[in-house]
Protein backbone atom coordinates (compact mmCIF):
# COMPACT_ATOMS: atom_id res chain seq x y z
CA MET A 1 0.18 -0.11 -0.04
CA ASN A 2 2.90 2.49 0.90
CA CYS A 3 4.74 1.60 -2.03
CA MET A 4 1.73 2.56 -4.22
CA ILE A 5 1.06 5.86 -2.55
CA LYS A 6 4.84 6.55 -3.11
CA LYS A 7 4.37 5.75 -6.81
CA ILE A 8 1.55 8.08 -7.31
CA ASP A 9 3.39 10.71 -5.67
CA GLU A 10 6.22 10.49 -7.67
CA LYS A 11 4.24 10.67 -10.69
CA ARG A 12 2.42 13.85 -9.49
CA HIS A 13 5.75 15.20 -8.77
CA GLN A 14 6.86 14.71 -12.47
CA GLU A 15 3.61 16.14 -13.73
CA LEU A 16 4.17 19.31 -11.59
CA LEU A 17 7.82 19.82 -12.62
CA LYS A 18 6.56 19.38 -16.36
CA HIS A 19 3.84 21.69 -16.14
CA LYS A 20 6.21 24.33 -14.08
CA GLU A 21 8.73 24.01 -17.28
CA GLU A 22 5.91 24.73 -19.59
CA LEU A 23 4.56 27.88 -17.76
CA GLU A 24 8.19 29.25 -17.65
CA ASN A 25 8.62 28.67 -21.45
CA ASN A 26 5.22 30.35 -22.16
CA ARG A 27 5.19 33.30 -19.93
CA PRO A 28 2.40 35.74 -21.25
CA HIS A 29 2.86 39.49 -21.73
CA ASP A 30 -0.50 41.06 -21.28
CA ILE A 31 -1.56 41.89 -17.76
CA GLU A 32 -4.71 39.77 -17.62
CA ALA A 33 -2.74 36.67 -18.63
CA MET A 34 0.14 37.54 -16.50
CA ARG A 35 -2.13 37.16 -13.47
CA ARG A 36 -3.63 34.00 -14.38
CA TRP A 37 -0.01 32.67 -15.10
CA LYS A 38 1.45 34.00 -11.72
CA HIS A 39 -1.56 32.19 -10.05
CA SER A 40 -1.09 28.83 -11.82
CA MET A 41 2.82 29.23 -11.20
CA GLY A 42 2.11 29.86 -7.45
CA LYS A 43 -0.18 26.83 -7.11
CA ILE A 44 2.38 24.59 -8.67
CA LEU A 45 5.08 25.92 -6.64
CA GLU A 46 3.08 25.65 -3.56
CA GLU A 47 2.53 21.92 -4.25
CA LEU A 48 5.80 21.23 -5.11
CA GLU A 49 6.97 22.47 -1.64
CA LEU A 50 5.03 19.49 -0.06
CA PHE A 51 7.56 17.12 -2.00
CA LYS A 52 10.58 18.65 -0.38
CA LYS A 53 11.82 16.57 2.51
């Protein structure tokens, strides 16, 4: 059971890293899009903090 949770966590961690990289490569330039981008990036970074040990 514990091994299964660890595998799911690792998968989620990889998804977050991939999404973070996509956001970094596609940073918008208009103000409204930038607000959404900043919110999304903040959520990803917040969740990635949970994986740090």
